[in-house]
Amino acid sequence: MSLALTLSHAPEKMRPVLPGVIVAAALALAAGWIAGGLGEPLSRNPVLVAMLFGLLI
């Protein structure tokens, strides 16, 4: 019963978090796009590019 009550309030709890999730997804896509354009060694490691992109921001 408690799980059902918790899940019923999930949309209200997600609403404040949703803009941050959308921004994080957009930045992850941008980091992947940047990694593809930087050349072979960096395109193999998109996590490194994402970290460098985060430091740049």
PDB file of N, CA and C in Angstrom:
ATOM      1  N   MET A   1       0.822  -1.195   0.000  1.00  0.00           N
ATOM      2  CA  MET A   1       0.000   0.000   0.000  1.00  0.00           C
ATOM      3  C   MET A   1       0.864   1.258   0.000  1.00  0.00           C
ATOM      4  N   SER A   2       1.952   1.229   0.736  1.00  0.00           N
ATOM      5  CA  SER A   2       2.817   2.397   0.813  1.00  0.00           C
ATOM      6  C   SER A   2       3.484   2.689  -0.529  1.00  0.00           C
ATOM      7  N   LEU A   3       3.875   1.633  -1.256  1.00  0.00           N
ATOM      8  CA  LEU A   3       4.497   1.823  -2.564  1.00  0.00           C
ATOM      9  C   LEU A   3       3.515   2.450  -3.541  1.00  0.00           C
ATOM     10  N   ALA A   4       2.265   2.029  -3.486  1.00  0.00           N
ATOM     11  CA  ALA A   4       1.253   2.599  -4.375  1.00  0.00           C
ATOM     12  C   ALA A   4       1.040   4.083  -4.071  1.00  0.00           C
ATOM     13  N   LEU A   5       1.044   4.445  -2.804  1.00  0.00           N
ATOM     14  CA  LEU A   5       0.888   5.855  -2.447  1.00  0.00           C
ATOM     15  C   LEU A   5       2.107   6.670  -2.878  1.00  0.00           C
ATOM     16  N   THR A   6       3.283   6.076  -2.753  1.00  0.00           N
ATOM     17  CA  THR A   6       4.500   6.772  -3.171  1.00  0.00           C
ATOM     18  C   THR A   6       4.503   6.991  -4.672  1.00  0.00           C
ATOM     19  N   LEU A   7       4.120   5.977  -5.434  1.00  0.00           N
ATOM     20  CA  LEU A   7       4.106   6.096  -6.889  1.00  0.00           C
ATOM     21  C   LEU A   7       3.013   7.037  -7.379  1.00  0.00           C
ATOM     22  N   SER A   8       1.939   7.172  -6.612  1.00  0.00           N
ATOM     23  CA  SER A   8       0.871   8.068  -7.048  1.00  0.00           C
ATOM     24  C   SER A   8       1.289   9.536  -6.954  1.00  0.00           C
ATOM     25  N   HIS A   9       2.274   9.835  -6.117  1.00  0.00           N
ATOM     26  CA  HIS A   9       2.760  11.213  -5.982  1.00  0.00           C
ATOM     27  C   HIS A   9       4.025  11.463  -6.802  1.00  0.00           C
ATOM     28  N   ALA A  10       4.433  10.496  -7.611  1.00  0.00           N
ATOM     29  CA  ALA A  10       5.667  10.627  -8.395  1.00  0.00           C
ATOM     30  C   ALA A  10       5.622  11.792  -9.382  1.00  0.00           C
ATOM     31  N   PRO A  11       4.517  12.014 -10.119  1.00  0.00           N
ATOM     32  CA  PRO A  11       4.533  13.138 -11.069  1.00  0.00           C
ATOM     33  C   PRO A  11       4.760  14.496 -10.408  1.00  0.00           C
ATOM     34  N   GLU A  12       4.194  14.707  -9.223  1.00  0.00           N
ATOM     35  CA  GLU A  12       4.395  15.991  -8.545  1.00  0.00           C
ATOM     36  C   GLU A  12       5.842  16.155  -8.086  1.00  0.00           C
ATOM     37  N   LYS A  13       6.477  15.045  -7.707  1.00  0.00           N
ATOM     38  CA  LYS A  13       7.860  15.119  -7.244  1.00  0.00           C
ATOM     39  C   LYS A  13       8.838  15.251  -8.407  1.00  0.00           C
ATOM     40  N   MET A  14       8.469  14.779  -9.582  1.00  0.00           N
ATOM     41  CA  MET A  14       9.355  14.849 -10.741  1.00  0.00           C
ATOM     42  C   MET A  14       9.315  16.211 -11.419  1.00  0.00           C
ATOM     43  N   ARG A  15       8.241  16.943 -11.250  1.00  0.00           N
ATOM     44  CA  ARG A  15       8.075  18.220 -11.958  1.00  0.00           C
ATOM     45  C   ARG A  15       9.229  19.197 -11.708  1.00  0.00           C
ATOM     46  N   PRO A  16       9.724  19.388 -10.476  1.00  0.00           N
ATOM     47  CA  PRO A  16      10.839  20.330 -10.288  1.00  0.00           C
ATOM     48  C   PRO A  16      12.168  19.808 -10.846  1.00  0.00           C
ATOM     49  N   VAL A  17      12.289  18.500 -10.992  1.00  0.00           N
ATOM     50  CA  VAL A  17      13.545  17.898 -11.437  1.00  0.00           C
ATOM     51  C   VAL A  17      13.630  17.833 -12.957  1.00  0.00           C
ATOM     52  N   LEU A  18      12.506  17.860 -13.627  1.00  0.00           N
ATOM     53  CA  LEU A  18      12.453  17.642 -15.069  1.00  0.00           C
ATOM     54  C   LEU A  18      13.294  18.629 -15.881  1.00  0.00           C
ATOM     55  N   PRO A  19      13.320  19.921 -15.591  1.00  0.00           N
ATOM     56  CA  PRO A  19      14.179  20.816 -16.388  1.00  0.00           C
ATOM     57  C   PRO A  19      15.662  20.446 -16.318  1.00  0.00           C
ATOM     58  N   GLY A  20      16.120  20.034 -15.163  1.00  0.00           N
ATOM     59  CA  GLY A  20      17.519  19.619 -15.031  1.00  0.00           C
ATOM     60  C   GLY A  20      17.826  18.366 -15.822  1.00  0.00           C
ATOM     61  N   VAL A  21      16.886  17.437 -15.854  1.00  0.00           N
ATOM     62  CA  VAL A  21      17.065  16.210 -16.630  1.00  0.00           C
ATOM     63  C   VAL A  21      17.115  16.529 -18.118  1.00  0.00           C
ATOM     64  N   ILE A  22      16.274  17.446 -18.558  1.00  0.00           N
ATOM     65  CA  ILE A  22      16.259  17.836 -19.970  1.00  0.00           C
ATOM     66  C   ILE A  22      17.574  18.518 -20.350  1.00  0.00           C
ATOM     67  N   VAL A  23      18.076  19.395 -19.494  1.00  0.00           N
ATOM     68  CA  VAL A  23      19.349  20.073 -19.767  1.00  0.00           C
ATOM     69  C   VAL A  23      20.494  19.062 -19.786  1.00  0.00           C
ATOM     70  N   ALA A  24      20.494  18.115 -18.851  1.00  0.00           N
ATOM     71  CA  ALA A  24      21.550  17.099 -18.818  1.00  0.00           C
ATOM     72  C   ALA A  24      21.527  16.243 -20.078  1.00  0.00           C
ATOM     73  N   ALA A  25      20.334  15.892 -20.554  1.00  0.00           N
ATOM     74  CA  ALA A  25      20.231  15.107 -21.785  1.00  0.00           C
ATOM     75  C   ALA A  25      20.734  15.902 -22.983  1.00  0.00           C
ATOM     76  N   ALA A  26      20.395  17.177 -23.041  1.00  0.00           N
ATOM     77  CA  ALA A  26      20.862  18.017 -24.152  1.00  0.00           C
ATOM     78  C   ALA A  26      22.378  18.163 -24.122  1.00  0.00           C
ATOM     79  N   LEU A  27      22.957  18.328 -22.939  1.00  0.00           N
ATOM     80  CA  LEU A  27      24.413  18.442 -22.837  1.00  0.00           C
ATOM     81  C   LEU A  27      25.104  17.129 -23.188  1.00  0.00           C
ATOM     82  N   ALA A  28      24.487  16.000 -22.832  1.00  0.00           N
ATOM     83  CA  ALA A  28      25.064  14.706 -23.203  1.00  0.00           C
ATOM     84  C   ALA A  28      25.049  14.522 -24.710  1.00  0.00           C
ATOM     85  N   LEU A  29      23.967  14.928 -25.358  1.00  0.00           N
ATOM     86  CA  LEU A  29      23.913  14.850 -26.817  1.00  0.00           C
ATOM     87  C   LEU A  29      24.946  15.773 -27.452  1.00  0.00           C
ATOM     88  N   ALA A  30      25.100  16.967 -26.904  1.00  0.00           N
ATOM     89  CA  ALA A  30      26.098  17.901 -27.436  1.00  0.00           C
ATOM     90  C   ALA A  30      27.508  17.347 -27.253  1.00  0.00           C
ATOM     91  N   ALA A  31      27.785  16.725 -26.120  1.00  0.00           N
ATOM     92  CA  ALA A  31      29.115  16.152 -25.885  1.00  0.00           C
ATOM     93  C   ALA A  31      29.393  15.023 -26.862  1.00  0.00           C
ATOM     94  N   GLY A  32      28.391  14.199 -27.149  1.00  0.00           N
ATOM     95  CA  GLY A  32      28.570  13.141 -28.141  1.00  0.00           C
ATOM     96  C   GLY A  32      28.821  13.702 -29.521  1.00  0.00           C
ATOM     97  N   TRP A  33      28.129  14.767 -29.859  1.00  0.00           N
ATOM     98  CA  TRP A  33      28.315  15.406 -31.163  1.00  0.00           C
ATOM     99  C   TRP A  33      29.715  16.021 -31.262  1.00  0.00           C
ATOM    100  N   ILE A  34      30.150  16.674 -30.186  1.00  0.00           N
ATOM    101  CA  ILE A  34      31.487  17.268 -30.161  1.00  0.00           C
ATOM    102  C   ILE A  34      32.555  16.169 -30.246  1.00  0.00           C
ATOM    103  N   ALA A  35      32.338  15.061 -29.536  1.00  0.00           N
ATOM    104  CA  ALA A  35      33.305  13.961 -29.558  1.00  0.00           C
ATOM    105  C   ALA A  35      33.448  13.391 -30.957  1.00  0.00           C
ATOM    106  N   GLY A  36      32.368  13.314 -31.697  1.00  0.00           N
ATOM    107  CA  GLY A  36      32.431  12.804 -33.060  1.00  0.00           C
ATOM    108  C   GLY A  36      33.230  13.710 -33.976  1.00  0.00           C
ATOM    109  N   GLY A  37      33.239  14.996 -33.715  1.00  0.00           N
ATOM    110  CA  GLY A  37      33.946  15.930 -34.574  1.00  0.00           C
ATOM    111  C   GLY A  37      35.395  16.174 -34.181  1.00  0.00           C
ATOM    112  N   LEU A  38      35.812  15.662 -33.023  1.00  0.00           N
ATOM    113  CA  LEU A  38      37.171  15.940 -32.561  1.00  0.00           C
ATOM    114  C   LEU A  38      38.216  14.973 -33.100  1.00  0.00           C
ATOM    115  N   GLY A  39      37.805  13.917 -33.711  1.00  0.00           N
ATOM    116  CA  GLY A  39      38.772  12.976 -34.251  1.00  0.00           C
ATOM    117  C   GLY A  39      38.701  11.623 -33.574  1.00  0.00           C
ATOM    118  N   GLU A  40      39.470  10.714 -34.092  1.00  0.00           N
ATOM    119  CA  GLU A  40      39.394   9.314 -33.689  1.00  0.00           C
ATOM    120  C   GLU A  40      39.685   9.051 -32.212  1.00  0.00           C
ATOM    121  N   PRO A  41      40.778   9.547 -31.615  1.00  0.00           N
ATOM    122  CA  PRO A  41      41.049   9.177 -30.223  1.00  0.00           C
ATOM    123  C   PRO A  41      39.968   9.637 -29.249  1.00  0.00           C
ATOM    124  N   LEU A  42      39.447  10.840 -29.431  1.00  0.00           N
ATOM    125  CA  LEU A  42      38.435  11.335 -28.498  1.00  0.00           C
ATOM    126  C   LEU A  42      37.059  10.768 -28.788  1.00  0.00           C
ATOM    127  N   SER A  43      36.790  10.409 -30.033  1.00  0.00           N
ATOM    128  CA  SER A  43      35.466   9.866 -30.332  1.00  0.00           C
ATOM    129  C   SER A  43      35.284   8.485 -29.726  1.00  0.00           C
ATOM    130  N   ARG A  44      36.383   7.835 -29.365  1.00  0.00           N
ATOM    131  CA  ARG A  44      36.287   6.531 -28.692  1.00  0.00           C
ATOM    132  C   ARG A  44      35.955   6.692 -27.215  1.00  0.00           C
ATOM    133  N   ASN A  45      36.113   7.881 -26.664  1.00  0.00           N
ATOM    134  CA  ASN A  45      35.889   8.101 -25.241  1.00  0.00           C
ATOM    135  C   ASN A  45      34.967   9.301 -25.028  1.00  0.00           C
ATOM    136  N   PRO A  46      33.656   9.133 -25.272  1.00  0.00           N
ATOM    137  CA  PRO A  46      32.741  10.264 -25.103  1.00  0.00           C
ATOM    138  C   PRO A  46      32.584  10.708 -23.653  1.00  0.00           C
ATOM    139  N   VAL A  47      32.895   9.829 -22.697  1.00  0.00           N
ATOM    140  CA  VAL A  47      32.800  10.224 -21.290  1.00  0.00           C
ATOM    141  C   VAL A  47      33.843  11.295 -20.983  1.00  0.00           C
ATOM    142  N   LEU A  48      35.046  11.138 -21.519  1.00  0.00           N
ATOM    143  CA  LEU A  48      36.084  12.146 -21.335  1.00  0.00           C
ATOM    144  C   LEU A  48      35.659  13.471 -21.945  1.00  0.00           C
ATOM    145  N   VAL A  49      35.067  13.421 -23.123  1.00  0.00           N
ATOM    146  CA  VAL A  49      34.609  14.645 -23.770  1.00  0.00           C
ATOM    147  C   VAL A  49      33.498  15.287 -22.952  1.00  0.00           C
ATOM    148  N   ALA A  50      32.603  14.481 -22.384  1.00  0.00           N
ATOM    149  CA  ALA A  50      31.527  15.027 -21.556  1.00  0.00           C
ATOM    150  C   ALA A  50      32.100  15.722 -20.321  1.00  0.00           C
ATOM    151  N   MET A  51      33.133  15.127 -19.717  1.00  0.00           N
ATOM    152  CA  MET A  51      33.747  15.764 -18.550  1.00  0.00           C
ATOM    153  C   MET A  51      34.437  17.068 -18.941  1.00  0.00           C
ATOM    154  N   LEU A  52      35.154  17.063 -20.059  1.00  0.00           N
ATOM    155  CA  LEU A  52      35.807  18.291 -20.517  1.00  0.00           C
ATOM    156  C   LEU A  52      34.783  19.366 -20.867  1.00  0.00           C
ATOM    157  N   PHE A  53      33.678  18.947 -21.484  1.00  0.00           N
ATOM    158  CA  PHE A  53      32.598  19.871 -21.825  1.00  0.00           C
ATOM    159  C   PHE A  53      31.990  20.465 -20.558  1.00  0.00           C
ATOM    160  N   GLY A  54      31.823  19.638 -19.525  1.00  0.00           N
ATOM    161  CA  GLY A  54      31.306  20.120 -18.251  1.00  0.00           C
ATOM    162  C   GLY A  54      32.238  21.116 -17.587  1.00  0.00           C
ATOM    163  N   LEU A  55      33.544  20.870 -17.680  1.00  0.00           N
ATOM    164  CA  LEU A  55      34.505  21.824 -17.127  1.00  0.00           C
ATOM    165  C   LEU A  55      34.485  23.136 -17.892  1.00  0.00           C
ATOM    166  N   LEU A  56      34.269  23.050 -19.193  1.00  0.00           N
ATOM    167  CA  LEU A  56      34.202  24.251 -20.011  1.00  0.00           C
ATOM    168  C   LEU A  56      33.011  25.123 -19.618  1.00  0.00           C
ATOM    169  N   ILE A  57      31.906  24.471 -19.313  1.00  0.00           N
ATOM    170  CA  ILE A  57      30.697  25.209 -18.932  1.00  0.00           C
ATOM    171  C   ILE A  57      30.907  25.815 -17.561  1.00  0.00           C
TER     172      ILE A  57
END
